Amino acid sequence: MENLDRKQLGESMAAAQNGDAAAYARLLTQLVPILRRFVGARLRNSDVDDVVQDILLSVHTARSTFEPDRPFMPWLITIARRRIVDYQRQTMRIAQLPIDEYSLLRGNSVPAQVEDEIAVAKVIGDWLPRLPSSQRVAVELLKLRGLSLKEAAHESGLSVMALKVATHRAMKLLKEELMVGSIRTSQ
């Protein structure tokens, strides 16, 4: 994208902030292919349109935060990256197929990355029930389900600070568990 195009995007957003509906419509139309390329390079094709739409909604919601004297693209890319991360958190799933099912799917060869993911999933599956209830709830809501701290606090009845502390302690234990497991398997 040329510098002139980037400048025009910023000017269109500034005009939209001042109530120019035509400039805003033009801006959103111009953003769609840019965002599709950006998101498409980071996610599966089937997810791109959903994330692009979410980004456009976020741009609309945050349009008042754009400062016309600042570059437009870093502002846009920041929003896009955050929406991609949010989407990935919401769709994150732990692999639950046993190795022999993976080997059937993969023609009897299991890539090392899949074996590592299965090993981590097994450790997490074994480790999670052993956690104190507040830590287990924090991990399930924040890390596995991808809820925000506010949403998790509302659902669990725990304070935001209690969730932060519980998650920190649980993740520290998980790290130790994974380190011990990798030491055992390398010996």
C-alpha atoms as a PDB file:
ATOM      1  CA  MET A   1       0.000   0.000   0.000  1.00  0.00           C
ATOM      2  CA  GLU A   2       1.382   3.416  -0.921  1.00  0.00           C
ATOM      3  CA  ASN A   3       1.908   6.198   1.605  1.00  0.00           C
ATOM      4  CA  LEU A   4      -0.721   8.264  -0.207  1.00  0.00           C
ATOM      5  CA  ASP A   5      -3.302   5.504   0.347  1.00  0.00           C
ATOM      6  CA  ARG A   6      -2.408   5.356   4.027  1.00  0.00           C
ATOM      7  CA  LYS A   7      -2.735   9.108   4.290  1.00  0.00           C
ATOM      8  CA  GLN A   8      -6.114   8.943   2.560  1.00  0.00           C
ATOM      9  CA  LEU A   9      -7.315   6.319   5.028  1.00  0.00           C
ATOM     10  CA  GLY A  10      -6.398   8.584   7.918  1.00  0.00           C
ATOM     11  CA  GLU A  11      -8.054  11.546   6.232  1.00  0.00           C
ATOM     12  CA  SER A  12     -11.211   9.493   5.632  1.00  0.00           C
ATOM     13  CA  MET A  13     -11.316   8.501   9.304  1.00  0.00           C
ATOM     14  CA  ALA A  14     -10.819  12.138  10.364  1.00  0.00           C
ATOM     15  CA  ALA A  15     -13.662  13.181   8.037  1.00  0.00           C
ATOM     16  CA  ALA A  16     -15.834  10.386   9.461  1.00  0.00           C
ATOM     17  CA  GLN A  17     -15.134  11.646  12.973  1.00  0.00           C
ATOM     18  CA  ASN A  18     -16.467  15.007  11.816  1.00  0.00           C
ATOM     19  CA  GLY A  19     -19.715  13.441  10.592  1.00  0.00           C
ATOM     20  CA  ASP A  20     -18.934  12.730   6.911  1.00  0.00           C
ATOM     21  CA  ALA A  21     -20.946   9.525   6.354  1.00  0.00           C
ATOM     22  CA  ALA A  22     -19.750   9.129   2.744  1.00  0.00           C
ATOM     23  CA  ALA A  23     -16.102   9.251   3.828  1.00  0.00           C
ATOM     24  CA  TYR A  24     -16.830   6.679   6.524  1.00  0.00           C
ATOM     25  CA  ALA A  25     -18.551   4.307   4.095  1.00  0.00           C
ATOM     26  CA  ARG A  26     -15.655   4.729   1.650  1.00  0.00           C
ATOM     27  CA  LEU A  27     -13.147   4.030   4.457  1.00  0.00           C
ATOM     28  CA  LEU A  28     -14.888   0.836   5.561  1.00  0.00           C
ATOM     29  CA  THR A  29     -15.089  -0.366   1.948  1.00  0.00           C
ATOM     30  CA  GLN A  30     -11.359   0.287   1.502  1.00  0.00           C
ATOM     31  CA  LEU A  31     -10.513  -1.507   4.749  1.00  0.00           C
ATOM     32  CA  VAL A  32     -12.181  -4.816   3.863  1.00  0.00           C
ATOM     33  CA  PRO A  33      -9.541  -6.088   1.355  1.00  0.00           C
ATOM     34  CA  ILE A  34      -6.705  -4.789   3.543  1.00  0.00           C
ATOM     35  CA  LEU A  35      -8.072  -6.592   6.575  1.00  0.00           C
ATOM     36  CA  ARG A  36      -8.814  -9.773   4.610  1.00  0.00           C
ATOM     37  CA  ARG A  37      -5.166  -9.967   3.549  1.00  0.00           C
ATOM     38  CA  PHE A  38      -3.944  -9.211   7.074  1.00  0.00           C
ATOM     39  CA  VAL A  39      -6.260 -11.694   8.790  1.00  0.00           C
ATOM     40  CA  GLY A  40      -5.901 -14.298   6.026  1.00  0.00           C
ATOM     41  CA  ALA A  41      -2.164 -14.437   6.629  1.00  0.00           C
ATOM     42  CA  ARG A  42      -2.851 -15.356  10.266  1.00  0.00           C
ATOM     43  CA  LEU A  43      -5.979 -17.535  10.318  1.00  0.00           C
ATOM     44  CA  ARG A  44      -7.727 -20.274   8.343  1.00  0.00           C
ATOM     45  CA  ASN A  45      -9.740 -19.011   5.372  1.00  0.00           C
ATOM     46  CA  SER A  46     -13.013 -20.131   6.965  1.00  0.00           C
ATOM     47  CA  ASP A  47     -12.408 -17.747   9.885  1.00  0.00           C
ATOM     48  CA  VAL A  48     -11.348 -14.651   7.951  1.00  0.00           C
ATOM     49  CA  ASP A  49     -14.746 -13.075   7.260  1.00  0.00           C
ATOM     50  CA  ASP A  50     -15.884 -13.426  10.881  1.00  0.00           C
ATOM     51  CA  VAL A  51     -12.730 -11.791  12.197  1.00  0.00           C
ATOM     52  CA  VAL A  52     -12.779  -9.021   9.566  1.00  0.00           C
ATOM     53  CA  GLN A  53     -16.332  -8.192  10.558  1.00  0.00           C
ATOM     54  CA  ASP A  54     -15.343  -8.149  14.225  1.00  0.00           C
ATOM     55  CA  ILE A  55     -12.444  -5.810  13.415  1.00  0.00           C
ATOM     56  CA  LEU A  56     -14.751  -3.470  11.491  1.00  0.00           C
ATOM     57  CA  LEU A  57     -17.122  -3.390  14.469  1.00  0.00           C
ATOM     58  CA  SER A  58     -14.199  -2.598  16.745  1.00  0.00           C
ATOM     59  CA  VAL A  59     -13.046   0.175  14.390  1.00  0.00           C
ATOM     60  CA  HIS A  60     -16.554   1.596  14.527  1.00  0.00           C
ATOM     61  CA  THR A  61     -16.654   1.399  18.321  1.00  0.00           C
ATOM     62  CA  ALA A  62     -13.165   2.871  18.748  1.00  0.00           C
ATOM     63  CA  ARG A  63     -13.323   5.461  15.951  1.00  0.00           C
ATOM     64  CA  SER A  64     -13.372   8.320  18.453  1.00  0.00           C
ATOM     65  CA  THR A  65      -9.966   7.191  19.782  1.00  0.00           C
ATOM     66  CA  PHE A  66      -8.237   7.754  16.436  1.00  0.00           C
ATOM     67  CA  GLU A  67      -6.054  10.841  16.540  1.00  0.00           C
ATOM     68  CA  PRO A  68      -5.987  12.477  13.079  1.00  0.00           C
ATOM     69  CA  ASP A  69      -2.455  13.799  13.564  1.00  0.00           C
ATOM     70  CA  ARG A  70      -1.182  10.222  14.088  1.00  0.00           C
ATOM     71  CA  PRO A  71      -0.748   7.498  11.419  1.00  0.00           C
ATOM     72  CA  PHE A  72      -3.878   5.457  10.718  1.00  0.00           C
ATOM     73  CA  MET A  73      -2.376   2.033   9.942  1.00  0.00           C
ATOM     74  CA  PRO A  74      -0.704   1.389  13.327  1.00  0.00           C
ATOM     75  CA  TRP A  75      -4.022   2.260  14.999  1.00  0.00           C
ATOM     76  CA  LEU A  76      -5.879  -0.145  12.691  1.00  0.00           C
ATOM     77  CA  ILE A  77      -3.305  -2.950  12.993  1.00  0.00           C
ATOM     78  CA  THR A  78      -3.401  -2.722  16.791  1.00  0.00           C
ATOM     79  CA  ILE A  79      -7.157  -3.235  16.732  1.00  0.00           C
ATOM     80  CA  ALA A  80      -6.846  -6.052  14.175  1.00  0.00           C
ATOM     81  CA  ARG A  81      -4.195  -7.909  16.170  1.00  0.00           C
ATOM     82  CA  ARG A  82      -6.248  -7.708  19.341  1.00  0.00           C
ATOM     83  CA  ARG A  83      -9.362  -9.041  17.602  1.00  0.00           C
ATOM     84  CA  ILE A  84      -7.340 -11.907  16.083  1.00  0.00           C
ATOM     85  CA  VAL A  85      -5.978 -12.819  19.522  1.00  0.00           C
ATOM     86  CA  ASP A  86      -9.481 -12.606  21.000  1.00  0.00           C
ATOM     87  CA  TYR A  87     -10.799 -14.870  18.251  1.00  0.00           C
ATOM     88  CA  GLN A  88      -7.996 -17.374  18.774  1.00  0.00           C
ATOM     89  CA  ARG A  89      -8.672 -17.449  22.514  1.00  0.00           C
ATOM     90  CA  GLN A  90     -12.356 -18.089  21.914  1.00  0.00           C
ATOM     91  CA  THR A  91     -11.729 -20.913  19.466  1.00  0.00           C
ATOM     92  CA  MET A  92      -8.776 -22.522  21.236  1.00  0.00           C
ATOM     93  CA  ARG A  93      -9.347 -26.189  21.917  1.00  0.00           C
ATOM     94  CA  ILE A  94      -7.123 -28.746  23.555  1.00  0.00           C
ATOM     95  CA  ALA A  95      -6.435 -31.775  21.391  1.00  0.00           C
ATOM     96  CA  GLN A  96      -8.288 -34.730  22.866  1.00  0.00           C
ATOM     97  CA  LEU A  97      -7.762 -37.503  20.329  1.00  0.00           C
ATOM     98  CA  PRO A  98      -5.462 -40.319  21.450  1.00  0.00           C
ATOM     99  CA  ILE A  99      -2.259 -40.817  19.492  1.00  0.00           C
ATOM    100  CA  ASP A 100      -3.517 -43.895  17.618  1.00  0.00           C
ATOM    101  CA  GLU A 101      -6.493 -41.909  16.276  1.00  0.00           C
ATOM    102  CA  TYR A 102      -4.084 -39.230  15.074  1.00  0.00           C
ATOM    103  CA  SER A 103      -1.931 -41.875  13.438  1.00  0.00           C
ATOM    104  CA  LEU A 104      -4.993 -43.222  11.569  1.00  0.00           C
ATOM    105  CA  LEU A 105      -5.780 -39.730  10.352  1.00  0.00           C
ATOM    106  CA  ARG A 106      -2.179 -39.046   9.400  1.00  0.00           C
ATOM    107  CA  GLY A 107      -1.411 -42.344   7.657  1.00  0.00           C
ATOM    108  CA  ASN A 108       0.327 -44.009  10.632  1.00  0.00           C
ATOM    109  CA  SER A 109       2.803 -41.180  11.153  1.00  0.00           C
ATOM    110  CA  VAL A 110       2.279 -38.628  13.874  1.00  0.00           C
ATOM    111  CA  PRO A 111       4.136 -35.348  13.374  1.00  0.00           C
ATOM    112  CA  ALA A 112       6.288 -34.315  16.324  1.00  0.00           C
ATOM    113  CA  GLN A 113       4.199 -31.154  16.807  1.00  0.00           C
ATOM    114  CA  VAL A 114       1.009 -33.211  17.174  1.00  0.00           C
ATOM    115  CA  GLU A 115       2.732 -35.558  19.625  1.00  0.00           C
ATOM    116  CA  ASP A 116       3.849 -32.529  21.648  1.00  0.00           C
ATOM    117  CA  GLU A 117       0.299 -31.088  21.636  1.00  0.00           C
ATOM    118  CA  ILE A 118      -1.128 -34.437  22.742  1.00  0.00           C
ATOM    119  CA  ALA A 119       1.456 -34.733  25.520  1.00  0.00           C
ATOM    120  CA  VAL A 120       0.665 -31.213  26.752  1.00  0.00           C
ATOM    121  CA  ALA A 121      -3.088 -31.915  26.555  1.00  0.00           C
ATOM    122  CA  LYS A 122      -2.583 -35.107  28.593  1.00  0.00           C
ATOM    123  CA  VAL A 123      -0.551 -33.267  31.224  1.00  0.00           C
ATOM    124  CA  ILE A 124      -3.215 -30.540  31.426  1.00  0.00           C
ATOM    125  CA  GLY A 125      -5.986 -33.133  31.582  1.00  0.00           C
ATOM    126  CA  ASP A 126      -4.231 -34.917  34.444  1.00  0.00           C
ATOM    127  CA  TRP A 127      -3.170 -31.705  36.179  1.00  0.00           C
ATOM    128  CA  LEU A 128      -6.360 -29.623  36.051  1.00  0.00           C
ATOM    129  CA  PRO A 129      -8.492 -31.770  38.419  1.00  0.00           C
ATOM    130  CA  ARG A 130      -5.708 -31.695  41.033  1.00  0.00           C
ATOM    131  CA  LEU A 131      -5.779 -27.892  41.315  1.00  0.00           C
ATOM    132  CA  PRO A 132      -7.544 -26.102  44.156  1.00  0.00           C
ATOM    133  CA  SER A 133     -11.040 -25.150  43.003  1.00  0.00           C
ATOM    134  CA  SER A 134     -10.351 -21.405  42.590  1.00  0.00           C
ATOM    135  CA  GLN A 135      -7.299 -22.110  40.413  1.00  0.00           C
ATOM    136  CA  ARG A 136      -9.163 -24.728  38.363  1.00  0.00           C
ATOM    137  CA  VAL A 137     -12.071 -22.339  37.788  1.00  0.00           C
ATOM    138  CA  ALA A 138      -9.691 -19.505  36.829  1.00  0.00           C
ATOM    139  CA  VAL A 139      -7.836 -21.658  34.282  1.00  0.00           C
ATOM    140  CA  GLU A 140     -11.022 -23.096  32.805  1.00  0.00           C
ATOM    141  CA  LEU A 141     -12.683 -19.701  32.396  1.00  0.00           C
ATOM    142  CA  LEU A 142      -9.701 -17.557  31.399  1.00  0.00           C
ATOM    143  CA  LYS A 143      -7.346 -19.909  29.585  1.00  0.00           C
ATOM    144  CA  LEU A 144      -9.558 -22.646  28.169  1.00  0.00           C
ATOM    145  CA  ARG A 145     -12.792 -20.758  27.488  1.00  0.00           C
ATOM    146  CA  GLY A 146     -11.061 -17.440  26.768  1.00  0.00           C
ATOM    147  CA  LEU A 147     -13.362 -15.254  28.855  1.00  0.00           C
ATOM    148  CA  SER A 148     -12.255 -11.774  29.858  1.00  0.00           C
ATOM    149  CA  LEU A 149     -11.417 -11.138  33.495  1.00  0.00           C
ATOM    150  CA  LYS A 150     -14.680  -9.256  33.936  1.00  0.00           C
ATOM    151  CA  GLU A 151     -16.728 -12.085  32.383  1.00  0.00           C
ATOM    152  CA  ALA A 152     -14.915 -14.726  34.423  1.00  0.00           C
ATOM    153  CA  ALA A 153     -15.406 -12.732  37.626  1.00  0.00           C
ATOM    154  CA  HIS A 154     -19.118 -12.441  36.926  1.00  0.00           C
ATOM    155  CA  GLU A 155     -19.479 -16.149  36.134  1.00  0.00           C
ATOM    156  CA  SER A 156     -17.332 -17.460  38.989  1.00  0.00           C
ATOM    157  CA  GLY A 157     -18.209 -15.020  41.727  1.00  0.00           C
ATOM    158  CA  LEU A 158     -14.486 -14.414  42.320  1.00  0.00           C
ATOM    159  CA  SER A 159     -12.964 -10.943  42.194  1.00  0.00           C
ATOM    160  CA  VAL A 160     -10.785  -9.919  39.273  1.00  0.00           C
ATOM    161  CA  MET A 161      -7.765  -9.836  41.584  1.00  0.00           C
ATOM    162  CA  ALA A 162      -8.541 -13.320  42.953  1.00  0.00           C
ATOM    163  CA  LEU A 163      -8.782 -14.626  39.374  1.00  0.00           C
ATOM    164  CA  LYS A 164      -5.445 -13.040  38.454  1.00  0.00           C
ATOM    165  CA  VAL A 165      -3.712 -14.540  41.486  1.00  0.00           C
ATOM    166  CA  ALA A 166      -5.306 -17.972  40.996  1.00  0.00           C
ATOM    167  CA  THR A 167      -4.378 -18.023  37.305  1.00  0.00           C
ATOM    168  CA  HIS A 168      -0.807 -16.943  38.025  1.00  0.00           C
ATOM    169  CA  ARG A 169      -0.380 -19.663  40.638  1.00  0.00           C
ATOM    170  CA  ALA A 170      -1.977 -22.306  38.435  1.00  0.00           C
ATOM    171  CA  MET A 171       0.161 -21.421  35.422  1.00  0.00           C
ATOM    172  CA  LYS A 172       3.273 -21.541  37.583  1.00  0.00           C
ATOM    173  CA  LEU A 173       2.292 -25.057  38.698  1.00  0.00           C
ATOM    174  CA  LEU A 174       1.590 -26.094  35.105  1.00  0.00           C
ATOM    175  CA  LYS A 175       4.978 -24.825  33.992  1.00  0.00           C
ATOM    176  CA  GLU A 176       6.634 -26.842  36.739  1.00  0.00           C
ATOM    177  CA  GLU A 177       4.572 -29.907  35.780  1.00  0.00           C
ATOM    178  CA  LEU A 178       5.566 -29.582  32.118  1.00  0.00           C
ATOM    179  CA  MET A 179       9.227 -29.076  33.025  1.00  0.00           C
ATOM    180  CA  VAL A 180       9.257 -32.182  35.244  1.00  0.00           C
ATOM    181  CA  GLY A 181       7.502 -34.147  32.479  1.00  0.00           C
ATOM    182  CA  SER A 182      10.023 -33.059  29.855  1.00  0.00           C
ATOM    183  CA  ILE A 183      12.904 -33.964  32.173  1.00  0.00           C
ATOM    184  CA  ARG A 184      11.381 -37.435  32.716  1.00  0.00           C
ATOM    185  CA  THR A 185      10.924 -38.071  28.989  1.00  0.00           C
ATOM    186  CA  SER A 186      14.420 -36.882  28.062  1.00  0.00           C
ATOM    187  CA  GLN A 187      16.156 -39.238  30.505  1.00  0.00           C
END
